[in-house]
Structure formats: structure tokens, C-alpha cells
N, C-alpha and C. Protein backbone atom coordinates (compact mmCIF):
# COMPACT_ATOMS: atom_id res chain seq x y z
N UNK A 1 -22.95 -83.00 -66.87
CA UNK A 1 -22.86 -83.12 -65.43
C UNK A 1 -22.34 -81.82 -64.81
N UNK A 2 -21.28 -81.28 -65.38
CA UNK A 2 -20.72 -80.03 -64.88
C UNK A 2 -21.72 -78.90 -65.09
N UNK A 3 -22.42 -78.92 -66.17
CA UNK A 3 -23.40 -77.88 -66.48
C UNK A 3 -24.54 -77.90 -65.45
N UNK A 4 -24.99 -79.08 -65.06
CA UNK A 4 -26.03 -79.19 -64.04
C UNK A 4 -25.54 -78.65 -62.69
N UNK A 5 -24.32 -78.95 -62.36
CA UNK A 5 -23.74 -78.50 -61.09
C UNK A 5 -23.67 -76.98 -61.05
N UNK A 6 -23.32 -76.34 -62.17
CA UNK A 6 -23.24 -74.88 -62.22
C UNK A 6 -24.63 -74.27 -62.03
N UNK A 7 -25.67 -74.96 -62.46
CA UNK A 7 -27.03 -74.46 -62.28
C UNK A 7 -27.47 -74.61 -60.81
N UNK A 8 -27.04 -75.69 -60.19
CA UNK A 8 -27.44 -75.97 -58.81
C UNK A 8 -26.79 -74.99 -57.84
N UNK A 9 -25.53 -74.67 -58.03
CA UNK A 9 -24.82 -73.79 -57.10
C UNK A 9 -25.48 -72.41 -57.02
N UNK A 10 -25.76 -71.72 -58.15
CA UNK A 10 -26.43 -70.42 -58.03
C UNK A 10 -27.83 -70.56 -57.42
N UNK A 11 -28.54 -71.64 -57.75
CA UNK A 11 -29.87 -71.85 -57.21
C UNK A 11 -29.79 -72.04 -55.69
N UNK A 12 -28.82 -72.82 -55.25
CA UNK A 12 -28.62 -73.05 -53.81
C UNK A 12 -28.28 -71.74 -53.11
N UNK A 13 -27.46 -70.93 -53.75
CA UNK A 13 -27.07 -69.65 -53.17
C UNK A 13 -28.29 -68.74 -53.02
N UNK A 14 -29.17 -68.74 -54.02
CA UNK A 14 -30.39 -67.92 -53.96
C UNK A 14 -31.29 -68.39 -52.82
N UNK A 15 -31.47 -69.70 -52.68
CA UNK A 15 -32.28 -70.25 -51.60
C UNK A 15 -31.68 -69.86 -50.24
N UNK A 16 -30.37 -69.97 -50.12
CA UNK A 16 -29.69 -69.60 -48.88
C UNK A 16 -29.90 -68.12 -48.57
N UNK A 17 -29.78 -67.28 -49.58
CA UNK A 17 -29.96 -65.85 -49.40
C UNK A 17 -31.39 -65.51 -48.98
N UNK A 18 -32.37 -66.15 -49.62
CA UNK A 18 -33.78 -65.93 -49.27
C UNK A 18 -34.03 -66.39 -47.83
N UNK A 19 -33.49 -67.54 -47.47
CA UNK A 19 -33.66 -68.05 -46.10
C UNK A 19 -33.07 -67.08 -45.08
N UNK A 20 -31.92 -66.53 -45.39
CA UNK A 20 -31.28 -65.59 -44.49
C UNK A 20 -32.13 -64.34 -44.31
N UNK A 21 -32.69 -63.82 -45.39
CA UNK A 21 -33.54 -62.63 -45.32
C UNK A 21 -34.80 -62.92 -44.51
N UNK A 22 -35.43 -64.07 -44.76
CA UNK A 22 -36.65 -64.43 -44.04
C UNK A 22 -36.36 -64.61 -42.56
N UNK A 23 -35.29 -65.30 -42.23
CA UNK A 23 -34.97 -65.56 -40.83
C UNK A 23 -34.66 -64.27 -40.07
N UNK A 24 -33.95 -63.35 -40.67
CA UNK A 24 -33.65 -62.11 -39.97
C UNK A 24 -34.88 -61.23 -39.88
N UNK A 25 -35.81 -61.40 -40.79
CA UNK A 25 -37.04 -60.61 -40.75
C UNK A 25 -37.97 -61.04 -39.64
N UNK A 26 -37.88 -62.28 -39.21
CA UNK A 26 -38.76 -62.78 -38.15
C UNK A 26 -37.98 -63.15 -36.89
N UNK A 27 -36.81 -62.60 -36.77
CA UNK A 27 -35.99 -62.90 -35.60
C UNK A 27 -36.67 -62.35 -34.35
N UNK A 28 -36.50 -63.01 -33.22
CA UNK A 28 -37.11 -62.52 -31.99
C UNK A 28 -36.52 -61.16 -31.62
N UNK A 29 -37.30 -60.35 -30.95
CA UNK A 29 -36.81 -59.02 -30.57
C UNK A 29 -35.69 -59.12 -29.55
N UNK A 30 -34.91 -58.09 -29.47
CA UNK A 30 -33.84 -58.04 -28.47
C UNK A 30 -34.47 -58.02 -27.09
N UNK A 31 -33.78 -58.58 -26.14
CA UNK A 31 -34.35 -58.69 -24.80
C UNK A 31 -34.64 -57.34 -24.16
N UNK A 32 -33.95 -56.29 -24.56
CA UNK A 32 -34.17 -54.98 -23.98
C UNK A 32 -35.29 -54.20 -24.63
N UNK A 33 -35.97 -54.79 -25.61
CA UNK A 33 -37.03 -54.09 -26.33
C UNK A 33 -38.29 -54.09 -25.49
N UNK A 34 -38.54 -52.99 -24.80
CA UNK A 34 -39.69 -52.91 -23.91
C UNK A 34 -40.91 -52.34 -24.60
N UNK A 35 -40.80 -52.06 -25.90
CA UNK A 35 -41.93 -51.47 -26.61
C UNK A 35 -42.98 -52.51 -26.99
N UNK A 36 -42.67 -53.78 -26.80
CA UNK A 36 -43.63 -54.82 -27.14
C UNK A 36 -44.77 -54.83 -26.13
N UNK A 37 -45.96 -55.01 -26.63
CA UNK A 37 -47.11 -55.08 -25.73
C UNK A 37 -47.15 -56.46 -25.08
N UNK A 38 -47.91 -56.55 -24.02
CA UNK A 38 -48.05 -57.84 -23.34
C UNK A 38 -48.65 -58.87 -24.28
N UNK A 39 -49.57 -58.44 -25.12
CA UNK A 39 -50.17 -59.35 -26.10
C UNK A 39 -49.11 -59.87 -27.06
N UNK A 40 -48.21 -58.99 -27.52
CA UNK A 40 -47.13 -59.40 -28.42
C UNK A 40 -46.20 -60.40 -27.75
N UNK A 41 -46.07 -60.28 -26.44
CA UNK A 41 -45.22 -61.20 -25.69
C UNK A 41 -45.91 -62.53 -25.40
N UNK A 42 -47.21 -62.62 -25.71
CA UNK A 42 -47.93 -63.87 -25.53
C UNK A 42 -48.80 -63.93 -24.29
N UNK A 43 -48.94 -62.82 -23.58
CA UNK A 43 -49.77 -62.80 -22.38
C UNK A 43 -51.19 -62.35 -22.71
N UNK A 44 -52.15 -62.84 -21.93
CA UNK A 44 -53.55 -62.42 -22.10
C UNK A 44 -53.98 -61.64 -20.87
N UNK A 45 -55.18 -61.09 -20.95
CA UNK A 45 -55.72 -60.33 -19.83
C UNK A 45 -56.01 -61.23 -18.64
N UNK A 46 -56.07 -62.52 -18.86
CA UNK A 46 -56.40 -63.47 -17.79
C UNK A 46 -55.20 -63.80 -16.89
N UNK A 47 -54.01 -63.30 -17.24
CA UNK A 47 -52.82 -63.59 -16.44
C UNK A 47 -52.93 -62.94 -15.07
N UNK A 48 -52.89 -63.76 -14.04
CA UNK A 48 -52.97 -63.27 -12.66
C UNK A 48 -51.56 -63.17 -12.08
N UNK A 49 -51.35 -62.18 -11.24
CA UNK A 49 -50.04 -61.97 -10.63
C UNK A 49 -49.61 -63.17 -9.77
N UNK A 50 -50.57 -63.89 -9.23
CA UNK A 50 -50.23 -65.09 -8.45
C UNK A 50 -49.57 -66.14 -9.34
N UNK A 51 -49.92 -66.15 -10.62
CA UNK A 51 -49.29 -67.07 -11.56
C UNK A 51 -47.82 -66.70 -11.74
N UNK A 52 -47.54 -65.40 -11.81
CA UNK A 52 -46.15 -64.95 -11.93
C UNK A 52 -45.35 -65.37 -10.70
N UNK A 53 -45.98 -65.30 -9.53
CA UNK A 53 -45.31 -65.72 -8.30
C UNK A 53 -44.99 -67.22 -8.36
N UNK A 54 -45.91 -68.00 -8.93
CA UNK A 54 -45.65 -69.44 -9.10
C UNK A 54 -44.49 -69.66 -10.07
N UNK A 55 -44.50 -68.92 -11.18
CA UNK A 55 -43.40 -69.03 -12.15
C UNK A 55 -42.07 -68.69 -11.49
N UNK A 56 -42.07 -67.65 -10.68
CA UNK A 56 -40.84 -67.19 -10.04
C UNK A 56 -40.23 -68.29 -9.18
N UNK A 57 -41.09 -69.10 -8.59
CA UNK A 57 -40.62 -70.19 -7.74
C UNK A 57 -39.91 -71.28 -8.56
N UNK A 58 -40.35 -71.48 -9.80
CA UNK A 58 -39.84 -72.61 -10.58
C UNK A 58 -38.98 -72.22 -11.77
N UNK A 59 -39.05 -70.97 -12.22
CA UNK A 59 -38.32 -70.54 -13.41
C UNK A 59 -37.24 -69.56 -12.98
N UNK A 60 -36.04 -69.75 -13.45
CA UNK A 60 -34.94 -68.88 -13.04
C UNK A 60 -34.69 -67.70 -13.96
N UNK A 61 -35.57 -67.44 -14.90
CA UNK A 61 -35.37 -66.37 -15.88
C UNK A 61 -35.97 -65.06 -15.37
N UNK A 62 -35.11 -64.17 -14.87
CA UNK A 62 -35.58 -62.91 -14.28
C UNK A 62 -36.28 -62.02 -15.29
N UNK A 63 -35.82 -62.02 -16.53
CA UNK A 63 -36.45 -61.20 -17.57
C UNK A 63 -37.89 -61.66 -17.80
N UNK A 64 -38.08 -62.97 -17.85
CA UNK A 64 -39.43 -63.53 -18.02
C UNK A 64 -40.33 -63.15 -16.85
N UNK A 65 -39.81 -63.25 -15.65
CA UNK A 65 -40.59 -62.92 -14.45
C UNK A 65 -40.97 -61.44 -14.46
N UNK A 66 -40.03 -60.57 -14.84
CA UNK A 66 -40.31 -59.13 -14.91
C UNK A 66 -41.41 -58.83 -15.92
N UNK A 67 -41.34 -59.48 -17.10
CA UNK A 67 -42.39 -59.31 -18.12
C UNK A 67 -43.74 -59.77 -17.57
N UNK A 68 -43.73 -60.92 -16.92
CA UNK A 68 -44.95 -61.48 -16.37
C UNK A 68 -45.57 -60.51 -15.36
N UNK A 69 -44.75 -59.98 -14.47
CA UNK A 69 -45.25 -59.05 -13.45
C UNK A 69 -45.75 -57.74 -14.07
N UNK A 70 -45.13 -57.32 -15.17
CA UNK A 70 -45.56 -56.09 -15.85
C UNK A 70 -46.92 -56.29 -16.52
N UNK A 71 -47.22 -57.52 -16.93
CA UNK A 71 -48.43 -57.80 -17.71
C UNK A 71 -49.57 -58.41 -16.90
N UNK A 72 -49.35 -58.74 -15.65
CA UNK A 72 -50.37 -59.46 -14.89
C UNK A 72 -51.41 -58.54 -14.28
N UNK A 73 -52.52 -59.14 -13.87
CA UNK A 73 -53.60 -58.43 -13.19
C UNK A 73 -53.69 -58.94 -11.76
N UNK A 74 -53.87 -58.03 -10.85
CA UNK A 74 -54.04 -58.42 -9.45
C UNK A 74 -55.39 -59.10 -9.27
N UNK A 75 -55.42 -60.09 -8.39
CA UNK A 75 -56.66 -60.79 -8.11
C UNK A 75 -57.63 -59.84 -7.42
N UNK A 76 -58.86 -60.00 -7.73
CA UNK A 76 -59.90 -59.19 -7.11
C UNK A 76 -60.02 -59.59 -5.64
N UNK A 77 -60.15 -58.61 -4.80
CA UNK A 77 -60.35 -58.90 -3.38
C UNK A 77 -61.77 -59.35 -3.12
N UNK A 78 -62.66 -59.05 -4.05
CA UNK A 78 -64.06 -59.49 -3.93
C UNK A 78 -64.20 -60.82 -4.65
N UNK A 79 -64.12 -61.87 -3.91
CA UNK A 79 -64.19 -63.20 -4.49
C UNK A 79 -65.56 -63.44 -5.13
N UNK A 80 -65.55 -64.14 -6.26
CA UNK A 80 -66.81 -64.49 -6.91
C UNK A 80 -67.56 -65.53 -6.08
N UNK A 81 -66.86 -66.23 -5.22
CA UNK A 81 -67.45 -67.28 -4.39
C UNK A 81 -67.03 -67.04 -2.93
N UNK A 82 -67.61 -66.03 -2.30
CA UNK A 82 -67.14 -65.64 -0.95
C UNK A 82 -67.29 -66.75 0.09
N UNK A 83 -68.33 -67.57 -0.03
CA UNK A 83 -68.53 -68.64 0.96
C UNK A 83 -67.45 -69.71 0.83
N UNK A 84 -67.08 -70.02 -0.40
CA UNK A 84 -66.03 -71.01 -0.63
C UNK A 84 -64.69 -70.45 -0.16
N UNK A 85 -64.43 -69.19 -0.47
CA UNK A 85 -63.19 -68.55 -0.02
C UNK A 85 -63.11 -68.55 1.50
N UNK A 86 -64.22 -68.23 2.15
CA UNK A 86 -64.26 -68.23 3.62
C UNK A 86 -63.95 -69.62 4.16
N UNK A 87 -64.55 -70.65 3.55
CA UNK A 87 -64.30 -72.01 4.00
C UNK A 87 -62.82 -72.36 3.84
N UNK A 88 -62.25 -72.04 2.69
CA UNK A 88 -60.84 -72.36 2.45
C UNK A 88 -59.94 -71.63 3.45
N UNK A 89 -60.21 -70.35 3.65
CA UNK A 89 -59.38 -69.55 4.55
C UNK A 89 -59.49 -69.96 6.01
N UNK A 90 -60.69 -70.31 6.45
CA UNK A 90 -60.92 -70.52 7.88
C UNK A 90 -61.12 -71.96 8.31
N UNK A 91 -61.61 -72.82 7.43
CA UNK A 91 -62.02 -74.16 7.87
C UNK A 91 -61.30 -75.32 7.19
N UNK A 92 -60.70 -75.08 6.04
CA UNK A 92 -60.15 -76.21 5.27
C UNK A 92 -59.07 -76.97 6.02
N UNK A 93 -58.33 -76.30 6.89
CA UNK A 93 -57.28 -76.95 7.67
C UNK A 93 -57.80 -77.98 8.65
N UNK A 94 -59.10 -77.92 8.96
CA UNK A 94 -59.70 -78.87 9.90
C UNK A 94 -59.93 -80.25 9.28
N UNK A 95 -59.80 -80.35 7.98
CA UNK A 95 -60.10 -81.60 7.27
C UNK A 95 -58.81 -82.16 6.69
N UNK A 96 -58.31 -83.21 7.33
CA UNK A 96 -57.01 -83.78 6.96
C UNK A 96 -57.00 -84.41 5.57
N UNK A 97 -58.14 -84.93 5.12
CA UNK A 97 -58.20 -85.58 3.81
C UNK A 97 -58.46 -84.59 2.68
N UNK A 98 -58.61 -83.33 3.01
CA UNK A 98 -58.95 -82.32 2.02
C UNK A 98 -57.70 -81.59 1.54
N UNK A 99 -57.57 -81.47 0.24
CA UNK A 99 -56.51 -80.63 -0.32
C UNK A 99 -57.16 -79.62 -1.25
N UNK A 100 -56.64 -78.42 -1.24
CA UNK A 100 -57.19 -77.34 -2.05
C UNK A 100 -56.24 -77.08 -3.21
N UNK A 101 -56.82 -77.00 -4.40
CA UNK A 101 -56.04 -76.71 -5.61
C UNK A 101 -56.76 -75.61 -6.38
N UNK A 102 -56.04 -74.56 -6.71
CA UNK A 102 -56.63 -73.45 -7.45
C UNK A 102 -56.43 -73.67 -8.94
N UNK A 103 -57.50 -73.45 -9.70
CA UNK A 103 -57.44 -73.51 -11.16
C UNK A 103 -58.03 -72.21 -11.68
N UNK A 104 -57.21 -71.41 -12.32
CA UNK A 104 -57.66 -70.12 -12.82
C UNK A 104 -58.82 -70.28 -13.79
N UNK A 105 -59.89 -69.53 -13.55
CA UNK A 105 -61.04 -69.55 -14.44
C UNK A 105 -62.01 -70.69 -14.21
N UNK A 106 -61.75 -71.52 -13.23
CA UNK A 106 -62.60 -72.68 -12.97
C UNK A 106 -63.52 -72.40 -11.79
N UNK A 107 -64.75 -72.85 -11.90
CA UNK A 107 -65.69 -72.74 -10.78
C UNK A 107 -65.30 -73.74 -9.70
N UNK A 108 -65.64 -73.45 -8.44
CA UNK A 108 -65.30 -74.37 -7.35
C UNK A 108 -65.99 -75.72 -7.51
N UNK A 109 -65.24 -76.75 -7.23
CA UNK A 109 -65.80 -78.10 -7.28
C UNK A 109 -65.11 -78.96 -6.24
N UNK A 110 -65.81 -79.97 -5.83
CA UNK A 110 -65.29 -80.93 -4.87
C UNK A 110 -65.09 -82.23 -5.63
N UNK A 111 -63.86 -82.71 -5.66
CA UNK A 111 -63.55 -83.96 -6.34
C UNK A 111 -63.32 -85.02 -5.27
N UNK A 112 -64.18 -86.03 -5.28
CA UNK A 112 -64.10 -87.11 -4.30
C UNK A 112 -63.46 -88.33 -4.96
N UNK A 113 -62.52 -88.95 -4.27
CA UNK A 113 -61.86 -90.14 -4.79
C UNK A 113 -62.06 -91.28 -3.80
N UNK A 114 -62.45 -92.45 -4.33
CA UNK A 114 -62.60 -93.60 -3.44
C UNK A 114 -61.28 -94.37 -3.39
N UNK A 115 -61.28 -95.48 -2.66
CA UNK A 115 -60.05 -96.27 -2.49
C UNK A 115 -59.52 -96.87 -3.78
N UNK A 116 -60.41 -97.08 -4.76
CA UNK A 116 -59.98 -97.63 -6.05
C UNK A 116 -59.53 -96.55 -7.02
N UNK A 117 -59.62 -95.28 -6.61
CA UNK A 117 -59.19 -94.18 -7.47
C UNK A 117 -60.29 -93.60 -8.34
N UNK A 118 -61.52 -94.11 -8.19
CA UNK A 118 -62.63 -93.56 -8.97
C UNK A 118 -62.97 -92.18 -8.43
N UNK A 119 -63.31 -91.27 -9.36
CA UNK A 119 -63.60 -89.89 -8.97
C UNK A 119 -65.06 -89.53 -9.19
N UNK A 120 -65.57 -88.69 -8.29
CA UNK A 120 -66.89 -88.09 -8.44
C UNK A 120 -66.70 -86.60 -8.22
N UNK A 121 -67.22 -85.79 -9.13
CA UNK A 121 -67.05 -84.34 -9.04
C UNK A 121 -68.38 -83.67 -8.74
N UNK A 122 -68.38 -82.81 -7.73
CA UNK A 122 -69.57 -82.05 -7.34
C UNK A 122 -69.29 -80.57 -7.53
N UNK A 123 -70.21 -79.89 -8.18
CA UNK A 123 -70.11 -78.44 -8.32
C UNK A 123 -70.55 -77.81 -7.00
N UNK A 124 -69.70 -77.00 -6.41
CA UNK A 124 -70.02 -76.41 -5.10
C UNK A 124 -70.06 -74.89 -5.15
N UNK A 125 -70.17 -74.32 -6.35
CA UNK A 125 -70.12 -72.86 -6.47
C UNK A 125 -71.27 -72.15 -5.77
N UNK A 126 -72.39 -72.83 -5.59
CA UNK A 126 -73.53 -72.18 -4.92
C UNK A 126 -73.66 -72.60 -3.45
N UNK A 127 -72.74 -73.43 -2.96
CA UNK A 127 -72.80 -73.90 -1.59
C UNK A 127 -72.34 -72.80 -0.62
N UNK A 128 -72.97 -72.76 0.51
CA UNK A 128 -72.54 -71.88 1.59
C UNK A 128 -71.53 -72.64 2.45
N UNK A 129 -70.79 -71.92 3.25
CA UNK A 129 -69.77 -72.53 4.11
C UNK A 129 -70.36 -73.64 4.96
N UNK A 130 -71.54 -73.40 5.52
CA UNK A 130 -72.18 -74.38 6.40
C UNK A 130 -72.52 -75.66 5.63
N UNK A 131 -73.00 -75.51 4.37
CA UNK A 131 -73.34 -76.69 3.57
C UNK A 131 -72.11 -77.55 3.29
N UNK A 132 -71.03 -76.90 2.98
CA UNK A 132 -69.80 -77.62 2.67
C UNK A 132 -69.27 -78.34 3.91
N UNK A 133 -69.29 -77.66 5.04
CA UNK A 133 -68.85 -78.29 6.29
C UNK A 133 -69.71 -79.49 6.63
N UNK A 134 -71.02 -79.32 6.51
CA UNK A 134 -71.96 -80.40 6.82
C UNK A 134 -71.71 -81.61 5.91
N UNK A 135 -71.53 -81.36 4.63
CA UNK A 135 -71.30 -82.45 3.68
C UNK A 135 -70.02 -83.21 4.02
N UNK A 136 -68.96 -82.48 4.30
CA UNK A 136 -67.68 -83.12 4.62
C UNK A 136 -67.77 -83.93 5.91
N UNK A 137 -68.48 -83.42 6.91
CA UNK A 137 -68.63 -84.15 8.18
C UNK A 137 -69.48 -85.40 8.00
N UNK A 138 -70.58 -85.28 7.25
CA UNK A 138 -71.46 -86.43 7.02
C UNK A 138 -70.74 -87.56 6.28
N UNK A 139 -69.81 -87.20 5.44
CA UNK A 139 -69.09 -88.20 4.65
C UNK A 139 -67.72 -88.54 5.23
N UNK A 140 -67.51 -88.15 6.48
CA UNK A 140 -66.25 -88.44 7.19
C UNK A 140 -65.01 -88.06 6.40
N UNK A 141 -65.04 -86.89 5.85
CA UNK A 141 -63.89 -86.40 5.10
C UNK A 141 -63.16 -85.39 5.96
């Protein structure tokens, strides 16, 4: 019994030592280490600066916000869907039942919900401002 215990103690010590070496080898970098790339920090090229602004509103970590702002890309002023952007900017406030939600990387769509909560989704990426207005008026939205 004592002989087994003497074997276990050195074995346990070796495991503890290996664990310590492994853990220090993969320890997170110090917060002041600015040599890490945005990719190393977990950010992709798709990160928009507006996302950082959203994070800033809800997250109190200034270091995280600074990293986010350093790694983000400004939104293009040339919208991929200029007619939809025009509608949102100039006309969406006229429709009380309409709410606008931005989803990064998603094409524009209109999600209609009935009184029972059933949803119907329409792709509106090719719609012009006039088409969207007409559709909303015809459906009393």
C-alpha cells in the first residue's frame, strides 16, 4: 500500500508539472499586447464599425471596444440597395406598423406577421421605393 502511494505521488507531481507548462504556454496575451492581429483577436473582415457602436452601448469593457474600433470597417456610403435605403431613410417613419431591423450580410426582406403570429417573408432586394410604398399602402400596413 505504501509502495503504491509512493508511485502515485511522483506521477501526480509530473501530471501537475505538465499541466502547468501547458497552461502557461497557452495563456491569453497580456491586455497591453497590441501586436496581435485583428484575426488573432477573433475579428473578421466583416466587422462593421456600427457593430462596435452597438457593443459600446451594452458592453462596459473599454479595451474590447478599442480593439473592435481598431479592427472594424466603415460601412460603404454606396448602399447595395439604394432604393431600400432611400425608403428607410425617408419614408419608413410614415408606417406605424413597420419596424426596421438591420442584419449584417442579409438581403432586404419584408417579414409580415398576422394576428396569430404566423410569418410570411418577402424578398424586397429588387424592389424600388415606389413598389414598396405601394405594397404597404395596399395591405394597410
